[in-house]
Amino acid sequence: MNDKKLAVIFPGIGYHKDKPLLYYAAKLMQNKGYDVINIEYHDMPQKIRGNAAMMKKAAMLACSQTEQQLYDVDFSGYDSIVFIGKSIGTVALAKYISDHNLNAKQIWYTPVEATFLFRSKDVIAFIGDDDPWSDVDTVKKTANDQKITLYSYPECNHSLESGDVDKNIANLRDVMNKTDSFVG
């Protein structure tokens, strides 16, 4: 008997499902037999970096739109659930899992500090050491305090990219290998 498996992909602002981390994560999950749902955000505020009020507004919008898009999903029909998010999407997925008490693995690509408010479990996370969207030291400390496995990529930004294409491809391969191992 085949297990029913679901992966839900949560984008960032400006980092949609066709960008490398989410595109290959979705392909990986499909290859592992998962149904894939892609969350999409609309009418998100712009120029929010460094503006706490706008970040909060964006997170609230992402969470609200997530609720709307997953309203009809019967999670009880799945044997395995994985939520994969990028940036603000990590906040929306962690809040959704917390609010709905779901048993789902979580993969956080470049989480922001607000993601850690939900005391998540069964998580793997990735961040670039030069991520301008996060206080990287705070993210590292909080991940450690909450016993969340966090992989850090030197000289990489919020997309886990540097100025070196070969390094970016190697990092992407490493992230996907770790994602694959985590999902099992």
Protein backbone atom coordinates (compact mmCIF):
# COMPACT_ATOMS: atom_id res chain seq x y z
CA MET A 1 0.00 0.00 0.00
CA ASN A 2 1.35 3.41 -0.98
CA ASP A 3 1.50 6.14 1.62
CA LYS A 4 -0.20 9.41 0.70
CA LYS A 5 2.33 12.19 0.98
CA LEU A 6 1.96 15.97 0.76
CA ALA A 7 4.49 18.79 0.44
CA VAL A 8 3.36 22.39 0.78
CA ILE A 9 5.69 25.06 -0.62
CA PHE A 10 5.63 28.56 0.91
CA PRO A 11 7.34 31.35 -1.07
CA GLY A 12 9.07 34.46 0.13
CA ILE A 13 8.31 37.96 -1.03
CA GLY A 14 9.85 38.04 -4.50
CA TYR A 15 11.13 34.49 -4.11
CA HIS A 16 8.49 32.40 -5.86
CA LYS A 17 8.14 28.70 -6.67
CA ASP A 18 10.26 28.98 -9.82
CA LYS A 19 13.37 30.24 -8.00
CA PRO A 20 16.08 27.60 -7.41
CA LEU A 21 15.53 26.59 -3.77
CA LEU A 22 11.77 26.15 -4.09
CA TYR A 23 11.81 24.84 -7.66
CA TYR A 24 14.23 22.03 -6.85
CA ALA A 25 12.64 21.31 -3.48
CA ALA A 26 9.29 20.81 -5.23
CA LYS A 27 10.90 18.59 -7.89
CA LEU A 28 12.63 16.57 -5.18
CA MET A 29 9.34 16.06 -3.34
CA GLN A 30 7.52 15.08 -6.54
CA ASN A 31 10.26 12.54 -7.29
CA LYS A 32 9.69 11.10 -3.80
CA GLY A 33 5.98 10.64 -4.56
CA TYR A 34 4.61 13.70 -2.76
CA ASP A 35 1.63 15.70 -3.95
CA VAL A 36 2.76 19.33 -4.06
CA ILE A 37 0.74 22.43 -3.22
CA ASN A 38 2.32 25.80 -3.98
CA ILE A 39 1.15 28.68 -1.82
CA GLU A 40 1.14 32.06 -3.58
CA TYR A 41 1.07 35.49 -1.95
CA HIS A 42 -0.53 38.53 -3.53
CA ASP A 43 -0.47 42.26 -2.82
CA MET A 44 2.41 42.01 -0.39
CA PRO A 45 3.99 45.23 0.88
CA GLN A 46 7.23 46.26 -0.78
CA LYS A 47 10.42 47.76 0.65
CA ILE A 48 9.90 46.13 4.03
CA ARG A 49 13.48 45.24 5.01
CA GLY A 50 14.40 47.03 8.21
CA ASN A 51 10.80 48.17 8.82
CA ALA A 52 9.34 46.11 11.68
CA ALA A 53 5.77 47.32 11.13
CA MET A 54 5.84 46.41 7.43
CA MET A 55 7.47 43.05 8.19
CA LYS A 56 4.68 42.30 10.64
CA LYS A 57 2.06 43.36 8.06
CA ALA A 58 3.68 41.10 5.45
CA ALA A 59 3.76 38.16 7.87
CA MET A 60 0.11 38.68 8.77
CA LEU A 61 -0.85 38.80 5.09
CA ALA A 62 1.18 35.66 4.35
CA CYS A 63 -0.49 33.83 7.24
CA SER A 64 -3.97 34.98 6.21
CA GLN A 65 -3.45 34.00 2.57
CA THR A 66 -2.05 30.63 3.69
CA GLU A 67 -5.20 29.98 5.72
CA GLN A 68 -7.35 30.78 2.68
CA GLN A 69 -5.36 28.59 0.30
CA LEU A 70 -5.21 25.57 2.62
CA TYR A 71 -8.80 25.85 3.90
CA ASP A 72 -10.09 22.84 1.94
CA VAL A 73 -7.04 20.59 2.41
CA ASP A 74 -7.78 17.46 4.43
CA PHE A 75 -4.42 16.85 6.07
CA SER A 76 -5.78 13.76 7.85
CA GLY A 77 -5.75 11.98 4.49
CA TYR A 78 -1.95 12.10 4.33
CA ASP A 79 0.53 9.77 5.99
CA SER A 80 3.46 12.16 5.57
CA ILE A 81 3.42 15.97 5.37
CA VAL A 82 6.35 18.30 4.70
CA PHE A 83 6.13 22.09 4.75
CA ILE A 84 8.92 23.90 2.90
CA GLY A 85 9.27 27.65 3.17
CA LYS A 86 11.47 30.52 2.11
CA SER A 87 11.90 33.68 4.21
CA ILE A 88 8.45 35.08 5.17
CA GLY A 89 7.03 31.73 4.08
CA THR A 90 8.83 30.11 7.02
CA VAL A 91 6.78 32.31 9.37
CA ALA A 92 3.51 31.38 7.64
CA LEU A 93 4.25 27.65 7.68
CA ALA A 94 5.41 27.58 11.31
CA LYS A 95 2.34 29.52 12.43
CA TYR A 96 0.01 27.32 10.36
CA ILE A 97 1.45 24.12 11.82
CA SER A 98 1.24 25.57 15.33
CA ASP A 99 -2.32 26.87 14.91
CA HIS A 100 -3.57 23.60 13.41
CA ASN A 101 -1.45 21.27 15.55
CA LEU A 102 -0.22 19.45 12.46
CA ASN A 103 2.38 16.72 12.50
CA ALA A 104 4.57 17.90 9.63
CA LYS A 105 8.27 18.12 8.94
CA GLN A 106 9.46 21.66 8.35
CA ILE A 107 12.20 22.87 6.03
CA TRP A 108 13.14 26.52 6.44
CA TYR A 109 15.16 28.20 3.71
CA THR A 110 16.53 31.45 5.18
CA PRO A 111 14.12 31.90 8.09
CA VAL A 112 13.55 35.31 9.62
CA GLU A 113 13.59 35.79 13.38
CA ALA A 114 9.76 35.74 13.68
CA THR A 115 9.76 32.11 12.49
CA PHE A 116 11.21 31.03 15.81
CA LEU A 117 8.27 32.41 17.82
CA PHE A 118 6.32 29.20 17.23
CA ARG A 119 8.66 26.77 19.03
CA SER A 120 8.62 24.35 16.14
CA LYS A 121 9.82 20.76 16.13
CA ASP A 122 11.04 18.42 13.40
CA VAL A 123 12.79 21.26 11.58
CA ILE A 124 15.85 21.73 9.42
CA ALA A 125 16.94 25.25 8.47
CA PHE A 126 19.43 26.96 6.17
CA ILE A 127 20.83 30.50 6.23
CA GLY A 128 23.52 32.54 4.52
CA ASP A 129 26.09 34.25 6.75
CA ASP A 130 25.60 37.48 4.75
CA ASP A 131 21.78 37.42 4.86
CA PRO A 132 20.70 41.09 5.07
CA TRP A 133 17.11 40.12 5.96
CA SER A 134 17.99 38.40 9.22
CA ASP A 135 20.10 39.00 12.24
CA VAL A 136 22.19 35.92 11.47
CA ASP A 137 23.75 35.70 14.93
CA THR A 138 20.28 35.83 16.55
CA VAL A 139 18.97 33.18 14.14
CA LYS A 140 21.94 30.91 14.91
CA LYS A 141 21.57 31.36 18.67
CA THR A 142 17.80 30.84 18.63
CA ALA A 143 18.10 27.76 16.42
CA ASN A 144 20.69 26.35 18.83
CA ASP A 145 18.54 27.19 21.88
CA GLN A 146 15.52 25.48 20.29
CA LYS A 147 17.61 22.51 19.12
CA ILE A 148 16.87 23.21 15.46
CA THR A 149 19.47 21.97 12.99
CA LEU A 150 20.67 25.07 11.12
CA TYR A 151 23.13 24.95 8.24
CA SER A 152 25.01 28.15 7.54
CA TYR A 153 26.58 29.08 4.19
CA PRO A 154 29.55 31.49 4.31
CA GLU A 155 29.44 34.62 2.16
CA CYS A 156 25.88 33.84 1.00
CA ASN A 157 22.87 36.14 0.97
CA HIS A 158 19.15 35.67 1.63
CA SER A 159 18.86 33.41 -1.44
CA LEU A 160 21.83 31.33 -0.26
CA GLU A 161 23.81 32.77 -3.16
CA SER A 162 27.20 34.44 -3.48
CA GLY A 163 28.87 36.12 -6.42
CA ASP A 164 30.31 32.77 -7.56
CA VAL A 165 28.03 30.69 -9.81
CA ASP A 166 29.95 27.45 -9.21
CA LYS A 167 29.70 27.97 -5.45
CA ASN A 168 25.96 28.70 -5.79
CA ILE A 169 25.39 25.46 -7.68
CA ALA A 170 27.42 23.50 -5.12
CA ASN A 171 25.46 25.11 -2.27
CA LEU A 172 22.15 24.36 -3.97
CA ARG A 173 23.20 20.72 -4.39
CA ASP A 174 24.21 20.58 -0.72
CA VAL A 175 20.88 22.10 0.40
CA MET A 176 18.90 19.65 -1.73
CA ASN A 177 20.96 16.68 -0.46
CA LYS A 178 20.34 17.75 3.15
CA THR A 179 16.66 18.32 2.36
CA ASP A 180 16.42 14.85 0.81
CA SER A 181 18.12 13.21 3.79
CA PHE A 182 15.89 15.06 6.25
CA VAL A 183 12.69 14.03 4.46
CA GLY A 184 13.92 10.43 4.31
